[in-house]
Amino acid sequence: MGIAANDIVPFTQARSSLSELADQAKAGAEKIITKNGESYVALIDADRLDYYHRLERERIHLLLLEDAQRGLADIAAGRTQDADATIATRQQRRRAGATAAKKRG
């Protein structure tokens, strides 16, 4: 569903016609309320907001599953490193970089 020009409402107008705007949102319209000519807030049906939140959670879960699949593929392909050894190597590099920076500075 797209946003039409009549779905963009200045804040002062929204304040005076909130009940009407709420009825329109409940009927499916999404209103963008502006303040000083800029988008400020949106007025949408609460059920639609819940739906958007569910979609966002589902997307996050799918991304986590994809990350897990990539991790399992890395394990299966032998692309792993010991975490303690990797952390120790990075700390050594960081200390060496700090020491070199002190010598230069």
PDB file of N, CA and C in Angstrom:
ATOM      1  N   MET A   1       0.844  -1.173   0.000  1.00  0.00           N
ATOM      2  CA  MET A   1       0.000   0.000   0.000  1.00  0.00           C
ATOM      3  C   MET A   1       0.885   1.230   0.000  1.00  0.00           C
ATOM      4  N   GLY A   2       0.632   2.131  -0.937  1.00  0.00           N
ATOM      5  CA  GLY A   2       1.419   3.339  -1.037  1.00  0.00           C
ATOM      6  C   GLY A   2       0.858   4.453  -0.175  1.00  0.00           C
ATOM      7  N   ILE A   3       1.647   5.471  -0.032  1.00  0.00           N
ATOM      8  CA  ILE A   3       1.232   6.655   0.718  1.00  0.00           C
ATOM      9  C   ILE A   3       0.788   7.712  -0.295  1.00  0.00           C
ATOM     10  N   ALA A   4      -0.421   8.197  -0.159  1.00  0.00           N
ATOM     11  CA  ALA A   4      -0.946   9.250  -1.029  1.00  0.00           C
ATOM     12  C   ALA A   4      -0.717  10.609  -0.374  1.00  0.00           C
ATOM     13  N   ALA A   5      -0.863  11.654  -1.149  1.00  0.00           N
ATOM     14  CA  ALA A   5      -0.650  13.004  -0.634  1.00  0.00           C
ATOM     15  C   ALA A   5      -1.559  13.313   0.548  1.00  0.00           C
ATOM     16  N   ASN A   6      -2.785  12.777   0.536  1.00  0.00           N
ATOM     17  CA  ASN A   6      -3.692  13.064   1.658  1.00  0.00           C
ATOM     18  C   ASN A   6      -3.366  12.243   2.894  1.00  0.00           C
ATOM     19  N   ASP A   7      -2.377  11.363   2.800  1.00  0.00           N
ATOM     20  CA  ASP A   7      -1.926  10.599   3.970  1.00  0.00           C
ATOM     21  C   ASP A   7      -0.801  11.313   4.709  1.00  0.00           C
ATOM     22  N   ILE A   8      -0.365  12.434   4.186  1.00  0.00           N
ATOM     23  CA  ILE A   8       0.672  13.239   4.835  1.00  0.00           C
ATOM     24  C   ILE A   8      -0.025  14.424   5.486  1.00  0.00           C
ATOM     25  N   VAL A   9       0.064  14.491   6.809  1.00  0.00           N
ATOM     26  CA  VAL A   9      -0.734  15.444   7.582  1.00  0.00           C
ATOM     27  C   VAL A   9       0.184  16.271   8.475  1.00  0.00           C
ATOM     28  N   PRO A  10       0.088  17.599   8.404  1.00  0.00           N
ATOM     29  CA  PRO A  10       0.858  18.435   9.333  1.00  0.00           C
ATOM     30  C   PRO A  10       0.418  18.184  10.786  1.00  0.00           C
ATOM     31  N   PHE A  11       1.350  18.319  11.687  1.00  0.00           N
ATOM     32  CA  PHE A  11       1.101  18.064  13.106  1.00  0.00           C
ATOM     33  C   PHE A  11      -0.076  18.875  13.639  1.00  0.00           C
ATOM     34  N   THR A  12      -0.146  20.136  13.275  1.00  0.00           N
ATOM     35  CA  THR A  12      -1.226  20.987  13.787  1.00  0.00           C
ATOM     36  C   THR A  12      -2.585  20.494  13.305  1.00  0.00           C
ATOM     37  N   GLN A  13      -2.658  20.037  12.061  1.00  0.00           N
ATOM     38  CA  GLN A  13      -3.908  19.486  11.549  1.00  0.00           C
ATOM     39  C   GLN A  13      -4.225  18.156  12.236  1.00  0.00           C
ATOM     40  N   ALA A  14      -3.210  17.340  12.466  1.00  0.00           N
ATOM     41  CA  ALA A  14      -3.421  16.045  13.128  1.00  0.00           C
ATOM     42  C   ALA A  14      -3.962  16.240  14.539  1.00  0.00           C
ATOM     43  N   ARG A  15      -3.463  17.248  15.216  1.00  0.00           N
ATOM     44  CA  ARG A  15      -3.921  17.524  16.574  1.00  0.00           C
ATOM     45  C   ARG A  15      -5.416  17.844  16.590  1.00  0.00           C
ATOM     46  N   SER A  16      -5.870  18.582  15.600  1.00  0.00           N
ATOM     47  CA  SER A  16      -7.279  18.992  15.590  1.00  0.00           C
ATOM     48  C   SER A  16      -8.208  17.920  15.023  1.00  0.00           C
ATOM     49  N   SER A  17      -7.646  16.930  14.317  1.00  0.00           N
ATOM     50  CA  SER A  17      -8.511  15.904  13.718  1.00  0.00           C
ATOM     51  C   SER A  17      -8.036  14.488  14.053  1.00  0.00           C
ATOM     52  N   LEU A  18      -7.515  14.315  15.258  1.00  0.00           N
ATOM     53  CA  LEU A  18      -6.946  13.023  15.645  1.00  0.00           C
ATOM     54  C   LEU A  18      -7.973  11.898  15.584  1.00  0.00           C
ATOM     55  N   SER A  19      -9.165  12.132  16.033  1.00  0.00           N
ATOM     56  CA  SER A  19     -10.188  11.094  16.024  1.00  0.00           C
ATOM     57  C   SER A  19     -10.467  10.616  14.602  1.00  0.00           C
ATOM     58  N   GLU A  20     -10.619  11.539  13.677  1.00  0.00           N
ATOM     59  CA  GLU A  20     -10.868  11.185  12.269  1.00  0.00           C
ATOM     60  C   GLU A  20      -9.680  10.426  11.681  1.00  0.00           C
ATOM     61  N   LEU A  21      -8.469  10.899  11.968  1.00  0.00           N
ATOM     62  CA  LEU A  21      -7.275  10.225  11.468  1.00  0.00           C
ATOM     63  C   LEU A  21      -7.150   8.819  12.048  1.00  0.00           C
ATOM     64  N   ALA A  22      -7.487   8.672  13.326  1.00  0.00           N
ATOM     65  CA  ALA A  22      -7.436   7.354  13.958  1.00  0.00           C
ATOM     66  C   ALA A  22      -8.434   6.407  13.302  1.00  0.00           C
ATOM     67  N   ASP A  23      -9.616   6.898  12.985  1.00  0.00           N
ATOM     68  CA  ASP A  23     -10.613   6.063  12.292  1.00  0.00           C
ATOM     69  C   ASP A  23     -10.099   5.645  10.918  1.00  0.00           C
ATOM     70  N   GLN A  24      -9.439   6.546  10.219  1.00  0.00           N
ATOM     71  CA  GLN A  24      -8.887   6.208   8.903  1.00  0.00           C
ATOM     72  C   GLN A  24      -7.769   5.174   9.024  1.00  0.00           C
ATOM     73  N   ALA A  25      -6.940   5.318  10.062  1.00  0.00           N
ATOM     74  CA  ALA A  25      -5.867   4.351  10.278  1.00  0.00           C
ATOM     75  C   ALA A  25      -6.442   2.980  10.619  1.00  0.00           C
ATOM     76  N   LYS A  26      -7.473   2.968  11.435  1.00  0.00           N
ATOM     77  CA  LYS A  26      -8.124   1.702  11.795  1.00  0.00           C
ATOM     78  C   LYS A  26      -8.710   1.037  10.549  1.00  0.00           C
ATOM     79  N   ALA A  27      -9.147   1.850   9.583  1.00  0.00           N
ATOM     80  CA  ALA A  27      -9.721   1.326   8.342  1.00  0.00           C
ATOM     81  C   ALA A  27      -8.643   0.891   7.341  1.00  0.00           C
ATOM     82  N   GLY A  28      -7.364   1.107   7.685  1.00  0.00           N
ATOM     83  CA  GLY A  28      -6.285   0.636   6.818  1.00  0.00           C
ATOM     84  C   GLY A  28      -5.357   1.690   6.270  1.00  0.00           C
ATOM     85  N   ALA A  29      -5.693   2.954   6.423  1.00  0.00           N
ATOM     86  CA  ALA A  29      -4.810   4.019   5.930  1.00  0.00           C
ATOM     87  C   ALA A  29      -3.625   4.181   6.883  1.00  0.00           C
ATOM     88  N   GLU A  30      -2.509   4.536   6.319  1.00  0.00           N
ATOM     89  CA  GLU A  30      -1.341   4.861   7.128  1.00  0.00           C
ATOM     90  C   GLU A  30      -1.088   6.350   6.947  1.00  0.00           C
ATOM     91  N   LYS A  31      -0.981   7.062   8.034  1.00  0.00           N
ATOM     92  CA  LYS A  31      -0.805   8.512   7.997  1.00  0.00           C
ATOM     93  C   LYS A  31       0.608   8.864   8.444  1.00  0.00           C
ATOM     94  N   ILE A  32       1.215   9.767   7.716  1.00  0.00           N
ATOM     95  CA  ILE A  32       2.513  10.313   8.099  1.00  0.00           C
ATOM     96  C   ILE A  32       2.245  11.712   8.631  1.00  0.00           C
ATOM     97  N   ILE A  33       2.611  11.931   9.868  1.00  0.00           N
ATOM     98  CA  ILE A  33       2.401  13.240  10.490  1.00  0.00           C
ATOM     99  C   ILE A  33       3.731  13.986  10.449  1.00  0.00           C
ATOM    100  N   THR A  34       3.666  15.200   9.929  1.00  0.00           N
ATOM    101  CA  THR A  34       4.878  15.990   9.771  1.00  0.00           C
ATOM    102  C   THR A  34       4.945  17.085  10.824  1.00  0.00           C
ATOM    103  N   LYS A  35       6.158  17.493  11.105  1.00  0.00           N
ATOM    104  CA  LYS A  35       6.388  18.605  12.023  1.00  0.00           C
ATOM    105  C   LYS A  35       7.482  19.462  11.394  1.00  0.00           C
ATOM    106  N   ASN A  36       7.201  20.729  11.238  1.00  0.00           N
ATOM    107  CA  ASN A  36       8.129  21.648  10.578  1.00  0.00           C
ATOM    108  C   ASN A  36       8.503  21.163   9.175  1.00  0.00           C
ATOM    109  N   GLY A  37       7.527  20.550   8.490  1.00  0.00           N
ATOM    110  CA  GLY A  37       7.741  20.106   7.118  1.00  0.00           C
ATOM    111  C   GLY A  37       8.483  18.798   6.958  1.00  0.00           C
ATOM    112  N   GLU A  38       8.858  18.165   8.053  1.00  0.00           N
ATOM    113  CA  GLU A  38       9.609  16.903   8.012  1.00  0.00           C
ATOM    114  C   GLU A  38       8.764  15.775   8.583  1.00  0.00           C
ATOM    115  N   SER A  39       8.962  14.545   8.098  1.00  0.00           N
ATOM    116  CA  SER A  39       8.286  13.384   8.678  1.00  0.00           C
ATOM    117  C   SER A  39       8.592  13.326  10.168  1.00  0.00           C
ATOM    118  N   TYR A  40       7.569  13.072  10.959  1.00  0.00           N
ATOM    119  CA  TYR A  40       7.736  13.085  12.409  1.00  0.00           C
ATOM    120  C   TYR A  40       7.315  11.752  13.022  1.00  0.00           C
ATOM    121  N   VAL A  41       6.084  11.343  12.818  1.00  0.00           N
ATOM    122  CA  VAL A  41       5.573  10.065  13.320  1.00  0.00           C
ATOM    123  C   VAL A  41       4.600   9.493  12.307  1.00  0.00           C
ATOM    124  N   ALA A  42       4.272   8.210  12.501  1.00  0.00           N
ATOM    125  CA  ALA A  42       3.278   7.563  11.652  1.00  0.00           C
ATOM    126  C   ALA A  42       2.114   7.118  12.518  1.00  0.00           C
ATOM    127  N   LEU A  43       0.940   7.167  11.936  1.00  0.00           N
ATOM    128  CA  LEU A  43      -0.268   6.703  12.618  1.00  0.00           C
ATOM    129  C   LEU A  43      -0.782   5.506  11.828  1.00  0.00           C
ATOM    130  N   ILE A  44      -0.749   4.331  12.469  1.00  0.00           N
ATOM    131  CA  ILE A  44      -1.212   3.108  11.815  1.00  0.00           C
ATOM    132  C   ILE A  44      -2.056   2.306  12.795  1.00  0.00           C
ATOM    133  N   ASP A  45      -2.806   1.372  12.254  1.00  0.00           N
ATOM    134  CA  ASP A  45      -3.625   0.487  13.070  1.00  0.00           C
ATOM    135  C   ASP A  45      -2.720  -0.361  13.978  1.00  0.00           C
ATOM    136  N   ALA A  46      -3.138  -0.574  15.215  1.00  0.00           N
ATOM    137  CA  ALA A  46      -2.340  -1.333  16.173  1.00  0.00           C
ATOM    138  C   ALA A  46      -2.114  -2.770  15.705  1.00  0.00           C
ATOM    139  N   ASP A  47      -3.129  -3.378  15.058  1.00  0.00           N
ATOM    140  CA  ASP A  47      -2.954  -4.740  14.548  1.00  0.00           C
ATOM    141  C   ASP A  47      -1.884  -4.779  13.463  1.00  0.00           C
ATOM    142  N   ARG A  48      -1.860  -3.755  12.622  1.00  0.00           N
ATOM    143  CA  ARG A  48      -0.840  -3.698  11.571  1.00  0.00           C
ATOM    144  C   ARG A  48       0.542  -3.519  12.195  1.00  0.00           C
ATOM    145  N   LEU A  49       0.643  -2.724  13.248  1.00  0.00           N
ATOM    146  CA  LEU A  49       1.924  -2.551  13.940  1.00  0.00           C
ATOM    147  C   LEU A  49       2.393  -3.884  14.512  1.00  0.00           C
ATOM    148  N   ASP A  50       1.481  -4.639  15.131  1.00  0.00           N
ATOM    149  CA  ASP A  50       1.839  -5.967  15.635  1.00  0.00           C
ATOM    150  C   ASP A  50       2.342  -6.853  14.502  1.00  0.00           C
ATOM    151  N   TYR A  51       1.666  -6.787  13.356  1.00  0.00           N
ATOM    152  CA  TYR A  51       2.074  -7.572  12.187  1.00  0.00           C
ATOM    153  C   TYR A  51       3.489  -7.182  11.750  1.00  0.00           C
ATOM    154  N   TYR A  52       3.772  -5.876  11.695  1.00  0.00           N
ATOM    155  CA  TYR A  52       5.110  -5.424  11.320  1.00  0.00           C
ATOM    156  C   TYR A  52       6.161  -5.935  12.303  1.00  0.00           C
ATOM    157  N   HIS A  53       5.832  -5.941  13.578  1.00  0.00           N
ATOM    158  CA  HIS A  53       6.775  -6.441  14.589  1.00  0.00           C
ATOM    159  C   HIS A  53       7.006  -7.942  14.415  1.00  0.00           C
ATOM    160  N   ARG A  54       5.951  -8.685  14.113  1.00  0.00           N
ATOM    161  CA  ARG A  54       6.109 -10.131  13.868  1.00  0.00           C
ATOM    162  C   ARG A  54       6.998 -10.374  12.657  1.00  0.00           C
ATOM    163  N   LEU A  55       6.784  -9.595  11.594  1.00  0.00           N
ATOM    164  CA  LEU A  55       7.628  -9.734  10.410  1.00  0.00           C
ATOM    165  C   LEU A  55       9.098  -9.466  10.737  1.00  0.00           C
ATOM    166  N   GLU A  56       9.321  -8.438  11.542  1.00  0.00           N
ATOM    167  CA  GLU A  56      10.698  -8.095  11.917  1.00  0.00           C
ATOM    168  C   GLU A  56      11.339  -9.226  12.726  1.00  0.00           C
ATOM    169  N   ARG A  57      10.590  -9.803  13.674  1.00  0.00           N
ATOM    170  CA  ARG A  57      11.126 -10.924  14.456  1.00  0.00           C
ATOM    171  C   ARG A  57      11.415 -12.129  13.564  1.00  0.00           C
ATOM    172  N   GLU A  58      10.515 -12.411  12.621  1.00  0.00           N
ATOM    173  CA  GLU A  58      10.731 -13.527  11.706  1.00  0.00           C
ATOM    174  C   GLU A  58      11.980 -13.298  10.863  1.00  0.00           C
ATOM    175  N   ARG A  59      12.166 -12.074  10.402  1.00  0.00           N
ATOM    176  CA  ARG A  59      13.357 -11.760   9.603  1.00  0.00           C
ATOM    177  C   ARG A  59      14.629 -11.962  10.428  1.00  0.00           C
ATOM    178  N   ILE A  60      14.600 -11.529  11.669  1.00  0.00           N
ATOM    179  CA  ILE A  60      15.764 -11.719  12.543  1.00  0.00           C
ATOM    180  C   ILE A  60      16.037 -13.203  12.735  1.00  0.00           C
ATOM    181  N   HIS A  61      14.992 -13.988  12.948  1.00  0.00           N
ATOM    182  CA  HIS A  61      15.177 -15.429  13.121  1.00  0.00           C
ATOM    183  C   HIS A  61      15.762 -16.060  11.859  1.00  0.00           C
ATOM    184  N   LEU A  62      15.287 -15.643  10.694  1.00  0.00           N
ATOM    185  CA  LEU A  62      15.829 -16.173   9.443  1.00  0.00           C
ATOM    186  C   LEU A  62      17.301 -15.816   9.278  1.00  0.00           C
ATOM    187  N   LEU A  63      17.663 -14.591   9.642  1.00  0.00           N
ATOM    188  CA  LEU A  63      19.065 -14.186   9.560  1.00  0.00           C
ATOM    189  C   LEU A  63      19.928 -15.010  10.509  1.00  0.00           C
ATOM    190  N   LEU A  64      19.417 -15.269  11.704  1.00  0.00           N
ATOM    191  CA  LEU A  64      20.164 -16.099  12.657  1.00  0.00           C
ATOM    192  C   LEU A  64      20.334 -17.521  12.132  1.00  0.00           C
ATOM    193  N   LEU A  65      19.290 -18.062  11.513  1.00  0.00           N
ATOM    194  CA  LEU A  65      19.385 -19.401  10.928  1.00  0.00           C
ATOM    195  C   LEU A  65      20.409 -19.441   9.799  1.00  0.00           C
ATOM    196  N   GLU A  66      20.422 -18.394   8.970  1.00  0.00           N
ATOM    197  CA  GLU A  66      21.414 -18.322   7.896  1.00  0.00           C
ATOM    198  C   GLU A  66      22.821 -18.271   8.464  1.00  0.00           C
ATOM    199  N   ASP A  67      23.022 -17.488   9.527  1.00  0.00           N
ATOM    200  CA  ASP A  67      24.331 -17.433  10.178  1.00  0.00           C
ATOM    201  C   ASP A  67      24.731 -18.800  10.710  1.00  0.00           C
ATOM    202  N   ALA A  68      23.781 -19.499  11.326  1.00  0.00           N
ATOM    203  CA  ALA A  68      24.067 -20.830  11.852  1.00  0.00           C
ATOM    204  C   ALA A  68      24.422 -21.795  10.725  1.00  0.00           C
ATOM    205  N   GLN A  69      23.705 -21.715   9.608  1.00  0.00           N
ATOM    206  CA  GLN A  69      24.008 -22.587   8.468  1.00  0.00           C
ATOM    207  C   GLN A  69      25.405 -22.307   7.924  1.00  0.00           C
ATOM    208  N   ARG A  70      25.777 -21.024   7.824  1.00  0.00           N
ATOM    209  CA  ARG A  70      27.126 -20.688   7.360  1.00  0.00           C
ATOM    210  C   ARG A  70      28.175 -21.217   8.336  1.00  0.00           C
ATOM    211  N   GLY A  71      27.892 -21.097   9.620  1.00  0.00           N
ATOM    212  CA  GLY A  71      28.827 -21.604  10.616  1.00  0.00           C
ATOM    213  C   GLY A  71      28.998 -23.115  10.526  1.00  0.00           C
ATOM    214  N   LEU A  72      27.887 -23.823  10.353  1.00  0.00           N
ATOM    215  CA  LEU A  72      27.968 -25.280  10.208  1.00  0.00           C
ATOM    216  C   LEU A  72      28.711 -25.664   8.934  1.00  0.00           C
ATOM    217  N   ALA A  73      28.498 -24.897   7.869  1.00  0.00           N
ATOM    218  CA  ALA A  73      29.221 -25.162   6.616  1.00  0.00           C
ATOM    219  C   ALA A  73      30.720 -24.934   6.819  1.00  0.00           C
ATOM    220  N   ASP A  74      31.087 -23.881   7.558  1.00  0.00           N
ATOM    221  CA  ASP A  74      32.497 -23.625   7.856  1.00  0.00           C
ATOM    222  C   ASP A  74      33.097 -24.780   8.648  1.00  0.00           C
ATOM    223  N   ILE A  75      32.364 -25.291   9.612  1.00  0.00           N
ATOM    224  CA  ILE A  75      32.854 -26.416  10.409  1.00  0.00           C
ATOM    225  C   ILE A  75      33.047 -27.633   9.518  1.00  0.00           C
ATOM    226  N   ALA A  76      32.050 -27.926   8.688  1.00  0.00           N
ATOM    227  CA  ALA A  76      32.130 -29.085   7.797  1.00  0.00           C
ATOM    228  C   ALA A  76      33.296 -28.967   6.823  1.00  0.00           C
ATOM    229  N   ALA A  77      33.620 -27.742   6.399  1.00  0.00           N
ATOM    230  CA  ALA A  77      34.707 -27.523   5.445  1.00  0.00           C
ATOM    231  C   ALA A  77      36.059 -27.361   6.130  1.00  0.00           C
ATOM    232  N   GLY A  78      36.057 -27.392   7.456  1.00  0.00           N
ATOM    233  CA  GLY A  78      37.321 -27.262   8.184  1.00  0.00           C
ATOM    234  C   GLY A  78      37.818 -25.839   8.294  1.00  0.00           C
ATOM    235  N   ARG A  79      36.951 -24.877   8.088  1.00  0.00           N
ATOM    236  CA  ARG A  79      37.345 -23.465   8.179  1.00  0.00           C
ATOM    237  C   ARG A  79      37.090 -22.956   9.595  1.00  0.00           C
ATOM    238  N   THR A  80      37.802 -23.515  10.546  1.00  0.00           N
ATOM    239  CA  THR A  80      37.629 -23.119  11.946  1.00  0.00           C
ATOM    240  C   THR A  80      38.981 -22.831  12.577  1.00  0.00           C
ATOM    241  N   GLN A  81      38.940 -22.083  13.650  1.00  0.00           N
ATOM    242  CA  GLN A  81      40.134 -21.797  14.429  1.00  0.00           C
ATOM    243  C   GLN A  81      39.763 -21.878  15.895  1.00  0.00           C
ATOM    244  N   ASP A  82      40.734 -22.207  16.711  1.00  0.00           N
ATOM    245  CA  ASP A  82      40.525 -22.231  18.145  1.00  0.00           C
ATOM    246  C   ASP A  82      40.312 -20.798  18.632  1.00  0.00           C
ATOM    247  N   ALA A  83      39.244 -20.570  19.365  1.00  0.00           N
ATOM    248  CA  ALA A  83      38.904 -19.211  19.801  1.00  0.00           C
ATOM    249  C   ALA A  83      39.984 -18.620  20.697  1.00  0.00           C
ATOM    250  N   ASP A  84      40.490 -19.385  21.665  1.00  0.00           N
ATOM    251  CA  ASP A  84      41.509 -18.851  22.580  1.00  0.00           C
ATOM    252  C   ASP A  84      42.777 -18.463  21.829  1.00  0.00           C
ATOM    253  N   ALA A  85      43.181 -19.303  20.885  1.00  0.00           N
ATOM    254  CA  ALA A  85      44.391 -19.003  20.111  1.00  0.00           C
ATOM    255  C   ALA A  85      44.182 -17.768  19.244  1.00  0.00           C
ATOM    256  N   THR A  86      43.017 -17.630  18.639  1.00  0.00           N
ATOM    257  CA  THR A  86      42.722 -16.473  17.794  1.00  0.00           C
ATOM    258  C   THR A  86      42.724 -15.191  18.621  1.00  0.00           C
ATOM    259  N   ILE A  87      42.107 -15.230  19.795  1.00  0.00           N
ATOM    260  CA  ILE A  87      42.078 -14.051  20.675  1.00  0.00           C
ATOM    261  C   ILE A  87      43.488 -13.679  21.102  1.00  0.00           C
ATOM    262  N   ALA A  88      44.300 -14.674  21.454  1.00  0.00           N
ATOM    263  CA  ALA A  88      45.679 -14.404  21.870  1.00  0.00           C
ATOM    264  C   ALA A  88      46.469 -13.765  20.731  1.00  0.00           C
ATOM    265  N   THR A  89      46.291 -14.259  19.513  1.00  0.00           N
ATOM    266  CA  THR A  89      46.991 -13.691  18.350  1.00  0.00           C
ATOM    267  C   THR A  89      46.584 -12.248  18.125  1.00  0.00           C
ATOM    268  N   ARG A  90      45.298 -11.977  18.209  1.00  0.00           N
ATOM    269  CA  ARG A  90      44.815 -10.600  18.011  1.00  0.00           C
ATOM    270  C   ARG A  90      45.346  -9.669  19.100  1.00  0.00           C
ATOM    271  N   GLN A  91      45.391 -10.144  20.339  1.00  0.00           N
ATOM    272  CA  GLN A  91      45.913  -9.315  21.424  1.00  0.00           C
ATOM    273  C   GLN A  91      47.389  -9.010  21.209  1.00  0.00           C
ATOM    274  N   GLN A  92      48.145 -10.006  20.734  1.00  0.00           N
ATOM    275  CA  GLN A  92      49.560  -9.773  20.450  1.00  0.00           C
ATOM    276  C   GLN A  92      49.730  -8.737  19.350  1.00  0.00           C
ATOM    277  N   ARG A  93      48.915  -8.843  18.296  1.00  0.00           N
ATOM    278  CA  ARG A  93      48.985  -7.863  17.207  1.00  0.00           C
ATOM    279  C   ARG A  93      48.647  -6.468  17.702  1.00  0.00           C
ATOM    280  N   ARG A  94      47.628  -6.374  18.566  1.00  0.00           N
ATOM    281  CA  ARG A  94      47.216  -5.073  19.103  1.00  0.00           C
ATOM    282  C   ARG A  94      48.339  -4.471  19.941  1.00  0.00           C
ATOM    283  N   ARG A  95      48.983  -5.301  20.784  1.00  0.00           N
ATOM    284  CA  ARG A  95      50.083  -4.799  21.606  1.00  0.00           C
ATOM    285  C   ARG A  95      51.256  -4.366  20.738  1.00  0.00           C
ATOM    286  N   ALA A  96      51.544  -5.153  19.694  1.00  0.00           N
ATOM    287  CA  ALA A  96      52.646  -4.809  18.800  1.00  0.00           C
ATOM    288  C   ALA A  96      52.346  -3.504  18.073  1.00  0.00           C
ATOM    289  N   GLY A  97      51.105  -3.313  17.665  1.00  0.00           N
ATOM    290  CA  GLY A  97      50.719  -2.062  16.993  1.00  0.00           C
ATOM    291  C   GLY A  97      50.828  -0.875  17.917  1.00  0.00           C
ATOM    292  N   ALA A  98      50.424  -1.052  19.171  1.00  0.00           N
ATOM    293  CA  ALA A  98      50.517   0.038  20.141  1.00  0.00           C
ATOM    294  C   ALA A  98      51.972   0.387  20.429  1.00  0.00           C
ATOM    295  N   THR A  99      52.823  -0.623  20.527  1.00  0.00           N
ATOM    296  CA  THR A  99      54.246  -0.388  20.779  1.00  0.00           C
ATOM    297  C   THR A  99      54.881   0.351  19.596  1.00  0.00           C
ATOM    298  N   ALA A 100      54.532  -0.057  18.376  1.00  0.00           N
ATOM    299  CA  ALA A 100      55.080   0.605  17.180  1.00  0.00           C
ATOM    300  C   ALA A 100      54.586   2.058  17.110  1.00  0.00           C
ATOM    301  N   ALA A 101      53.351   2.301  17.482  1.00  0.00           N
ATOM    302  CA  ALA A 101      52.813   3.660  17.449  1.00  0.00           C
ATOM    303  C   ALA A 101      53.540   4.542  18.461  1.00  0.00           C
ATOM    304  N   LYS A 102      53.869   3.996  19.632  1.00  0.00           N
ATOM    305  CA  LYS A 102      54.587   4.772  20.646  1.00  0.00           C
ATOM    306  C   LYS A 102      55.973   5.152  20.140  1.00  0.00           C
ATOM    307  N   LYS A 103      56.635   4.201  19.447  1.00  0.00           N
ATOM    308  CA  LYS A 103      57.976   4.474  18.939  1.00  0.00           C
ATOM    309  C   LYS A 103      57.946   5.553  17.863  1.00  0.00           C
ATOM    310  N   ARG A 104      56.884   5.549  17.041  1.00  0.00           N
ATOM    311  CA  ARG A 104      56.767   6.550  15.985  1.00  0.00           C
ATOM    312  C   ARG A 104      56.417   7.928  16.552  1.00  0.00           C
ATOM    313  N   GLY A 105      55.600   7.921  17.620  1.00  0.00           N
ATOM    314  CA  GLY A 105      55.048   9.166  18.149  1.00  0.00           C
ATOM    315  C   GLY A 105      55.947   9.842  19.073  1.00  0.00           C
TER     316      GLY A 105
END
